[in-house]
Amino acid sequence: MRDSLATALKDAIKQQDKHRVSTLRLIQTAIQDRDIANRGAGKDPITDAEIAAVLVTMVKQRKESAHQYEEGGRLELAQQELDEIEIIRKFLPKQLSDADTQRLCAQVVNEVGGDGLRDMGRCMNELKTKYPGQMDFGKASGIVKDLLR
């Protein structure tokens, strides 16, 4: 994933796409920050799965910002945030459909042997490990909770 980000940044610089360059640099900075934090803790640089998690967080932050800008009547800034979301999403794995999410949640609950709400954390950890960046874990949490009742 690091290579595809670097290649995209080079292409954006060549095309003089300032907005794309700034967004890609923000992504790389966020990844570097996590790498530095890991190095300080004696860990390896972050994996592709962790990079996907960083990108998901960036998308969430931009959605919240765009919403606040819209409420404040700053539509041009809201549009800028939405444009950044589209750039970031190009590097995320394809999102699973609601039907696939439901099926995979049921599968994980069976694999973990979940038989009550006390197994919720184990099921969610398994989903986050298997499907980073591919699933809306907020929806998944509700599905798993219903399955465990």
N, C-alpha and C. Protein backbone atom coordinates (compact mmCIF):
# COMPACT_ATOMS: atom_id res chain seq x y z
N MET A 1 0.83 -1.19 0.00
CA MET A 1 0.00 0.00 0.00
C MET A 1 0.88 1.26 0.00
N ARG A 2 2.01 1.17 0.69
CA ARG A 2 2.92 2.32 0.72
C ARG A 2 3.41 2.67 -0.69
N ASP A 3 3.68 1.63 -1.48
CA ASP A 3 4.15 1.86 -2.85
C ASP A 3 3.09 2.54 -3.71
N SER A 4 1.85 2.10 -3.57
CA SER A 4 0.79 2.71 -4.37
C SER A 4 0.56 4.17 -3.96
N LEU A 5 0.71 4.47 -2.67
CA LEU A 5 0.59 5.86 -2.21
C LEU A 5 1.73 6.71 -2.77
N ALA A 6 2.94 6.17 -2.74
CA ALA A 6 4.09 6.91 -3.26
C ALA A 6 3.95 7.16 -4.75
N THR A 7 3.50 6.15 -5.48
CA THR A 7 3.30 6.30 -6.93
C THR A 7 2.22 7.33 -7.23
N ALA A 8 1.14 7.28 -6.47
CA ALA A 8 0.05 8.25 -6.67
C ALA A 8 0.53 9.67 -6.39
N LEU A 9 1.37 9.82 -5.36
CA LEU A 9 1.89 11.14 -5.04
C LEU A 9 2.79 11.66 -6.17
N LYS A 10 3.65 10.81 -6.70
CA LYS A 10 4.51 11.21 -7.82
C LYS A 10 3.68 11.64 -9.02
N ASP A 11 2.64 10.85 -9.32
CA ASP A 11 1.78 11.18 -10.46
C ASP A 11 1.05 12.51 -10.24
N ALA A 12 0.58 12.74 -9.03
CA ALA A 12 -0.13 13.98 -8.73
C ALA A 12 0.80 15.18 -8.84
N ILE A 13 2.06 14.99 -8.42
CA ILE A 13 3.04 16.07 -8.53
C ILE A 13 3.31 16.37 -10.00
N LYS A 14 3.46 15.33 -10.80
CA LYS A 14 3.71 15.53 -12.24
C LYS A 14 2.54 16.24 -12.91
N GLN A 15 1.32 15.89 -12.48
CA GLN A 15 0.12 16.50 -13.07
C GLN A 15 -0.21 17.85 -12.46
N GLN A 16 0.55 18.25 -11.45
CA GLN A 16 0.37 19.51 -10.74
C GLN A 16 -1.04 19.64 -10.17
N ASP A 17 -1.55 18.54 -9.63
CA ASP A 17 -2.85 18.50 -8.99
C ASP A 17 -2.64 18.82 -7.51
N LYS A 18 -2.70 20.10 -7.17
CA LYS A 18 -2.35 20.57 -5.82
C LYS A 18 -3.23 19.94 -4.73
N HIS A 19 -4.50 19.81 -5.01
CA HIS A 19 -5.41 19.26 -3.99
C HIS A 19 -5.07 17.79 -3.71
N ARG A 20 -4.82 17.04 -4.77
CA ARG A 20 -4.47 15.63 -4.61
C ARG A 20 -3.12 15.48 -3.91
N VAL A 21 -2.17 16.31 -4.27
CA VAL A 21 -0.84 16.26 -3.64
C VAL A 21 -0.96 16.52 -2.15
N SER A 22 -1.73 17.53 -1.77
CA SER A 22 -1.84 17.84 -0.34
C SER A 22 -2.54 16.72 0.42
N THR A 23 -3.55 16.12 -0.16
CA THR A 23 -4.24 15.01 0.50
C THR A 23 -3.33 13.80 0.65
N LEU A 24 -2.59 13.48 -0.40
CA LEU A 24 -1.68 12.33 -0.34
C LEU A 24 -0.55 12.58 0.67
N ARG A 25 -0.11 13.80 0.78
CA ARG A 25 0.92 14.12 1.78
C ARG A 25 0.36 13.99 3.19
N LEU A 26 -0.90 14.37 3.38
CA LEU A 26 -1.54 14.18 4.68
C LEU A 26 -1.60 12.70 5.05
N ILE A 27 -1.92 11.87 4.08
CA ILE A 27 -1.98 10.42 4.31
C ILE A 27 -0.60 9.92 4.72
N GLN A 28 0.41 10.30 3.95
CA GLN A 28 1.77 9.82 4.25
C GLN A 28 2.24 10.33 5.62
N THR A 29 1.87 11.53 5.98
CA THR A 29 2.26 12.06 7.28
C THR A 29 1.59 11.27 8.41
N ALA A 30 0.32 10.93 8.23
CA ALA A 30 -0.39 10.14 9.25
C ALA A 30 0.27 8.77 9.41
N ILE A 31 0.68 8.18 8.30
CA ILE A 31 1.35 6.87 8.35
C ILE A 31 2.70 7.00 9.03
N GLN A 32 3.44 8.05 8.69
CA GLN A 32 4.75 8.28 9.32
C GLN A 32 4.61 8.48 10.82
N ASP A 33 3.59 9.22 11.23
CA ASP A 33 3.36 9.44 12.66
C ASP A 33 3.16 8.12 13.39
N ARG A 34 2.37 7.24 12.79
CA ARG A 34 2.15 5.92 13.41
C ARG A 34 3.43 5.09 13.43
N ASP A 35 4.23 5.17 12.34
CA ASP A 35 5.51 4.46 12.29
C ASP A 35 6.44 4.93 13.41
N ILE A 36 6.49 6.24 13.61
CA ILE A 36 7.35 6.81 14.65
C ILE A 36 6.88 6.38 16.03
N ALA A 37 5.58 6.38 16.24
CA ALA A 37 5.03 5.92 17.52
C ALA A 37 5.38 4.46 17.77
N ASN A 38 5.29 3.64 16.73
CA ASN A 38 5.64 2.22 16.86
C ASN A 38 7.12 2.05 17.14
N ARG A 39 7.94 2.83 16.46
CA ARG A 39 9.39 2.73 16.66
C ARG A 39 9.73 3.08 18.10
N GLY A 40 9.08 4.09 18.66
CA GLY A 40 9.30 4.49 20.04
C GLY A 40 8.89 3.40 21.03
N ALA A 41 7.92 2.58 20.62
CA ALA A 41 7.45 1.49 21.47
C ALA A 41 8.20 0.18 21.17
N GLY A 42 9.19 0.25 20.28
CA GLY A 42 9.97 -0.93 19.93
C GLY A 42 9.25 -1.90 19.00
N LYS A 43 8.29 -1.38 18.23
CA LYS A 43 7.53 -2.23 17.30
C LYS A 43 7.97 -1.97 15.87
N ASP A 44 7.51 -2.83 14.96
CA ASP A 44 7.78 -2.68 13.53
C ASP A 44 6.90 -1.56 12.96
N PRO A 45 7.25 -1.07 11.75
CA PRO A 45 6.36 -0.09 11.09
C PRO A 45 4.97 -0.70 10.89
N ILE A 46 3.98 0.16 10.71
CA ILE A 46 2.61 -0.33 10.62
C ILE A 46 2.41 -1.15 9.34
N THR A 47 1.49 -2.11 9.44
CA THR A 47 1.18 -3.00 8.33
C THR A 47 0.14 -2.37 7.41
N ASP A 48 -0.13 -3.04 6.29
CA ASP A 48 -1.15 -2.55 5.38
C ASP A 48 -2.52 -2.49 6.06
N ALA A 49 -2.80 -3.45 6.92
CA ALA A 49 -4.08 -3.45 7.64
C ALA A 49 -4.18 -2.22 8.55
N GLU A 50 -3.07 -1.88 9.19
CA GLU A 50 -3.07 -0.69 10.06
C GLU A 50 -3.15 0.59 9.23
N ILE A 51 -2.54 0.57 8.05
CA ILE A 51 -2.65 1.72 7.15
C ILE A 51 -4.11 1.91 6.74
N ALA A 52 -4.79 0.80 6.45
CA ALA A 52 -6.21 0.88 6.10
C ALA A 52 -7.01 1.48 7.26
N ALA A 53 -6.67 1.10 8.48
CA ALA A 53 -7.36 1.66 9.65
C ALA A 53 -7.12 3.16 9.76
N VAL A 54 -5.90 3.60 9.47
CA VAL A 54 -5.59 5.03 9.49
C VAL A 54 -6.44 5.75 8.44
N LEU A 55 -6.56 5.15 7.25
CA LEU A 55 -7.35 5.77 6.19
C LEU A 55 -8.83 5.84 6.56
N VAL A 56 -9.34 4.80 7.19
CA VAL A 56 -10.74 4.81 7.64
C VAL A 56 -10.97 5.94 8.64
N THR A 57 -10.02 6.11 9.55
CA THR A 57 -10.11 7.19 10.53
C THR A 57 -10.10 8.55 9.83
N MET A 58 -9.26 8.70 8.83
CA MET A 58 -9.19 9.96 8.10
C MET A 58 -10.51 10.25 7.39
N VAL A 59 -11.13 9.22 6.83
CA VAL A 59 -12.42 9.40 6.16
C VAL A 59 -13.47 9.85 7.17
N LYS A 60 -13.51 9.21 8.34
CA LYS A 60 -14.48 9.58 9.37
C LYS A 60 -14.28 11.03 9.80
N GLN A 61 -13.02 11.44 9.99
CA GLN A 61 -12.75 12.82 10.40
C GLN A 61 -13.25 13.80 9.36
N ARG A 62 -13.04 13.48 8.10
CA ARG A 62 -13.47 14.39 7.04
C ARG A 62 -14.99 14.44 6.90
N LYS A 63 -15.64 13.32 7.13
CA LYS A 63 -17.12 13.32 7.11
C LYS A 63 -17.66 14.25 8.18
N GLU A 64 -17.09 14.15 9.38
CA GLU A 64 -17.53 15.01 10.49
C GLU A 64 -17.27 16.48 10.17
N SER A 65 -16.10 16.76 9.62
CA SER A 65 -15.77 18.15 9.27
C SER A 65 -16.72 18.68 8.20
N ALA A 66 -16.98 17.87 7.17
CA ALA A 66 -17.87 18.29 6.10
C ALA A 66 -19.26 18.59 6.66
N HIS A 67 -19.72 17.75 7.56
CA HIS A 67 -21.04 17.96 8.18
C HIS A 67 -21.08 19.29 8.94
N GLN A 68 -20.02 19.56 9.71
CA GLN A 68 -19.97 20.80 10.47
C GLN A 68 -19.89 22.02 9.55
N TYR A 69 -19.11 21.90 8.48
CA TYR A 69 -19.02 23.00 7.52
C TYR A 69 -20.38 23.26 6.87
N GLU A 70 -21.10 22.20 6.53
CA GLU A 70 -22.42 22.37 5.92
C GLU A 70 -23.37 23.07 6.88
N GLU A 71 -23.34 22.66 8.16
CA GLU A 71 -24.19 23.31 9.15
C GLU A 71 -23.84 24.77 9.32
N GLY A 72 -22.56 25.10 9.15
CA GLY A 72 -22.11 26.48 9.29
C GLY A 72 -22.24 27.30 8.03
N GLY A 73 -22.76 26.68 6.97
CA GLY A 73 -22.95 27.40 5.71
C GLY A 73 -21.68 27.58 4.90
N ARG A 74 -20.64 26.82 5.21
CA ARG A 74 -19.37 26.92 4.49
C ARG A 74 -19.30 25.78 3.47
N LEU A 75 -20.11 25.87 2.44
CA LEU A 75 -20.26 24.79 1.48
C LEU A 75 -18.98 24.50 0.68
N GLU A 76 -18.18 25.53 0.43
CA GLU A 76 -16.93 25.31 -0.32
C GLU A 76 -15.95 24.47 0.49
N LEU A 77 -15.90 24.70 1.79
CA LEU A 77 -15.02 23.90 2.65
C LEU A 77 -15.57 22.48 2.81
N ALA A 78 -16.88 22.35 2.87
CA ALA A 78 -17.50 21.02 2.96
C ALA A 78 -17.18 20.22 1.70
N GLN A 79 -17.25 20.87 0.55
CA GLN A 79 -16.94 20.18 -0.71
C GLN A 79 -15.48 19.77 -0.75
N GLN A 80 -14.61 20.58 -0.22
CA GLN A 80 -13.18 20.24 -0.18
C GLN A 80 -12.96 18.98 0.66
N GLU A 81 -13.65 18.89 1.79
CA GLU A 81 -13.54 17.69 2.64
C GLU A 81 -14.07 16.46 1.91
N LEU A 82 -15.17 16.62 1.20
CA LEU A 82 -15.75 15.50 0.45
C LEU A 82 -14.81 15.06 -0.68
N ASP A 83 -14.14 16.01 -1.30
CA ASP A 83 -13.16 15.67 -2.35
C ASP A 83 -12.00 14.88 -1.75
N GLU A 84 -11.56 15.26 -0.57
CA GLU A 84 -10.48 14.53 0.10
C GLU A 84 -10.91 13.11 0.43
N ILE A 85 -12.17 12.95 0.83
CA ILE A 85 -12.69 11.61 1.13
C ILE A 85 -12.58 10.72 -0.10
N GLU A 86 -12.93 11.25 -1.26
CA GLU A 86 -12.87 10.45 -2.49
C GLU A 86 -11.43 10.04 -2.81
N ILE A 87 -10.49 10.92 -2.58
CA ILE A 87 -9.08 10.60 -2.83
C ILE A 87 -8.62 9.50 -1.88
N ILE A 88 -8.98 9.62 -0.62
CA ILE A 88 -8.57 8.63 0.39
C ILE A 88 -9.21 7.28 0.11
N ARG A 89 -10.48 7.27 -0.26
CA ARG A 89 -11.20 6.01 -0.49
C ARG A 89 -10.59 5.18 -1.62
N LYS A 90 -9.90 5.81 -2.54
CA LYS A 90 -9.29 5.07 -3.64
C LYS A 90 -8.23 4.09 -3.15
N PHE A 91 -7.72 4.33 -1.94
CA PHE A 91 -6.67 3.47 -1.39
C PHE A 91 -7.21 2.45 -0.40
N LEU A 92 -8.49 2.54 -0.10
CA LEU A 92 -9.10 1.58 0.82
C LEU A 92 -9.60 0.37 0.04
N PRO A 93 -9.62 -0.79 0.69
CA PRO A 93 -10.20 -1.96 0.04
C PRO A 93 -11.69 -1.73 -0.22
N LYS A 94 -12.23 -2.47 -1.17
CA LYS A 94 -13.64 -2.35 -1.51
C LYS A 94 -14.49 -2.66 -0.29
N GLN A 95 -15.48 -1.82 -0.03
CA GLN A 95 -16.37 -2.01 1.12
C GLN A 95 -17.33 -3.16 0.86
N LEU A 96 -17.55 -3.96 1.90
CA LEU A 96 -18.47 -5.09 1.80
C LEU A 96 -19.91 -4.59 1.82
N SER A 97 -20.77 -5.29 1.11
CA SER A 97 -22.19 -4.93 1.09
C SER A 97 -22.82 -5.29 2.44
N ASP A 98 -24.02 -4.81 2.67
CA ASP A 98 -24.72 -5.11 3.92
C ASP A 98 -24.98 -6.61 4.05
N ALA A 99 -25.33 -7.25 2.93
CA ALA A 99 -25.60 -8.70 2.96
C ALA A 99 -24.33 -9.47 3.31
N ASP A 100 -23.20 -9.06 2.71
CA ASP A 100 -21.93 -9.73 3.01
C ASP A 100 -21.53 -9.51 4.46
N THR A 101 -21.75 -8.29 4.94
CA THR A 101 -21.42 -7.98 6.33
C THR A 101 -22.23 -8.88 7.27
N GLN A 102 -23.51 -9.01 6.98
CA GLN A 102 -24.38 -9.85 7.82
C GLN A 102 -23.89 -11.31 7.80
N ARG A 103 -23.57 -11.81 6.61
CA ARG A 103 -23.12 -13.20 6.46
C ARG A 103 -21.80 -13.43 7.20
N LEU A 104 -20.86 -12.51 7.05
CA LEU A 104 -19.55 -12.66 7.69
C LEU A 104 -19.64 -12.52 9.21
N CYS A 105 -20.53 -11.68 9.68
CA CYS A 105 -20.73 -11.56 11.13
C CYS A 105 -21.24 -12.88 11.71
N ALA A 106 -22.21 -13.48 11.01
CA ALA A 106 -22.75 -14.76 11.47
C ALA A 106 -21.67 -15.83 11.45
N GLN A 107 -20.85 -15.81 10.41
CA GLN A 107 -19.76 -16.77 10.29
C GLN A 107 -18.77 -16.63 11.45
N VAL A 108 -18.40 -15.41 11.78
CA VAL A 108 -17.44 -15.17 12.87
C VAL A 108 -18.04 -15.56 14.22
N VAL A 109 -19.32 -15.26 14.42
CA VAL A 109 -19.96 -15.65 15.68
C VAL A 109 -19.90 -17.18 15.84
N ASN A 110 -20.13 -17.91 14.75
CA ASN A 110 -20.05 -19.38 14.80
C ASN A 110 -18.62 -19.85 15.05
N GLU A 111 -17.64 -19.22 14.38
CA GLU A 111 -16.23 -19.61 14.54
C GLU A 111 -15.76 -19.39 15.97
N VAL A 112 -16.15 -18.26 16.55
CA VAL A 112 -15.71 -17.92 17.90
C VAL A 112 -16.48 -18.75 18.93
N GLY A 113 -17.65 -19.25 18.51
CA GLY A 113 -18.48 -20.00 19.45
C GLY A 113 -19.23 -19.09 20.38
N GLY A 114 -19.60 -17.93 19.87
CA GLY A 114 -20.29 -16.94 20.69
C GLY A 114 -21.69 -17.40 21.07
N ASP A 115 -21.98 -17.34 22.36
CA ASP A 115 -23.31 -17.74 22.82
C ASP A 115 -23.92 -16.72 23.78
N GLY A 116 -23.37 -15.55 23.82
CA GLY A 116 -23.92 -14.50 24.67
C GLY A 116 -23.19 -13.19 24.44
N LEU A 117 -23.73 -12.12 25.00
CA LEU A 117 -23.14 -10.80 24.79
C LEU A 117 -21.72 -10.70 25.34
N ARG A 118 -21.35 -11.59 26.26
CA ARG A 118 -19.98 -11.55 26.80
C ARG A 118 -18.94 -11.87 25.73
N ASP A 119 -19.37 -12.48 24.61
CA ASP A 119 -18.46 -12.81 23.51
C ASP A 119 -18.39 -11.72 22.45
N MET A 120 -19.06 -10.62 22.70
CA MET A 120 -19.11 -9.52 21.74
C MET A 120 -17.71 -9.01 21.38
N GLY A 121 -16.89 -8.78 22.37
CA GLY A 121 -15.54 -8.25 22.13
C GLY A 121 -14.70 -9.20 21.29
N ARG A 122 -14.77 -10.49 21.59
CA ARG A 122 -14.00 -11.47 20.83
C ARG A 122 -14.44 -11.49 19.37
N CYS A 123 -15.75 -11.44 19.14
CA CYS A 123 -16.28 -11.45 17.78
C CYS A 123 -15.84 -10.20 17.01
N MET A 124 -15.95 -9.04 17.65
CA MET A 124 -15.57 -7.80 16.98
C MET A 124 -14.07 -7.76 16.69
N ASN A 125 -13.26 -8.23 17.62
CA ASN A 125 -11.81 -8.27 17.38
C ASN A 125 -11.49 -9.16 16.19
N GLU A 126 -12.18 -10.28 16.08
CA GLU A 126 -11.96 -11.20 14.96
C GLU A 126 -12.34 -10.54 13.64
N LEU A 127 -13.48 -9.84 13.63
CA LEU A 127 -13.92 -9.13 12.42
C LEU A 127 -12.91 -8.05 12.02
N LYS A 128 -12.43 -7.30 13.00
CA LYS A 128 -11.48 -6.23 12.72
C LYS A 128 -10.15 -6.78 12.21
N THR A 129 -9.79 -7.96 12.67
CA THR A 129 -8.55 -8.58 12.21
C THR A 129 -8.70 -9.11 10.78
N LYS A 130 -9.84 -9.73 10.50
CA LYS A 130 -10.05 -10.35 9.19
C LYS A 130 -10.41 -9.36 8.09
N TYR A 131 -11.15 -8.30 8.44
CA TYR A 131 -11.70 -7.41 7.42
C TYR A 131 -11.40 -5.94 7.69
N PRO A 132 -10.13 -5.59 7.89
CA PRO A 132 -9.81 -4.18 8.18
C PRO A 132 -10.12 -3.28 6.99
N GLY A 133 -10.83 -2.20 7.26
CA GLY A 133 -11.13 -1.23 6.22
C GLY A 133 -12.17 -1.67 5.22
N GLN A 134 -12.69 -2.89 5.33
CA GLN A 134 -13.66 -3.38 4.36
C GLN A 134 -15.08 -3.34 4.87
N MET A 135 -15.24 -3.11 6.17
CA MET A 135 -16.54 -3.26 6.79
C MET A 135 -16.81 -2.05 7.68
N ASP A 136 -18.08 -1.65 7.73
CA ASP A 136 -18.50 -0.61 8.67
C ASP A 136 -18.71 -1.31 10.01
N PHE A 137 -17.75 -1.13 10.93
CA PHE A 137 -17.80 -1.86 12.19
C PHE A 137 -18.90 -1.36 13.12
N GLY A 138 -19.41 -0.19 12.87
CA GLY A 138 -20.56 0.29 13.63
C GLY A 138 -21.79 -0.57 13.32
N LYS A 139 -22.02 -0.82 12.02
CA LYS A 139 -23.12 -1.69 11.60
C LYS A 139 -22.86 -3.12 12.06
N ALA A 140 -21.62 -3.56 11.88
CA ALA A 140 -21.25 -4.92 12.26
C ALA A 140 -21.50 -5.17 13.74
N SER A 141 -21.22 -4.18 14.55
CA SER A 141 -21.42 -4.30 16.00
C SER A 141 -22.89 -4.57 16.30
N GLY A 142 -23.77 -3.84 15.66
CA GLY A 142 -25.21 -4.05 15.86
C GLY A 142 -25.65 -5.43 15.42
N ILE A 143 -25.11 -5.89 14.30
CA ILE A 143 -25.45 -7.22 13.77
C ILE A 143 -24.98 -8.30 14.73
N VAL A 144 -23.72 -8.19 15.19
CA VAL A 144 -23.17 -9.18 16.11
C VAL A 144 -23.96 -9.19 17.41
N LYS A 145 -24.33 -8.02 17.88
CA LYS A 145 -25.09 -7.92 19.13
C LYS A 145 -26.43 -8.66 19.00
N ASP A 146 -27.10 -8.46 17.86
CA ASP A 146 -28.37 -9.15 17.62
C ASP A 146 -28.18 -10.65 17.54
N LEU A 147 -27.09 -11.08 16.91
CA LEU A 147 -26.83 -12.52 16.78
C LEU A 147 -26.51 -13.18 18.12
N LEU A 148 -25.90 -12.44 19.01
CA LEU A 148 -25.49 -13.01 20.30
C LEU A 148 -26.61 -13.02 21.35
N ARG A 149 -27.71 -12.35 21.08
CA ARG A 149 -28.81 -12.32 22.07
C ARG A 149 -29.56 -13.60 22.10
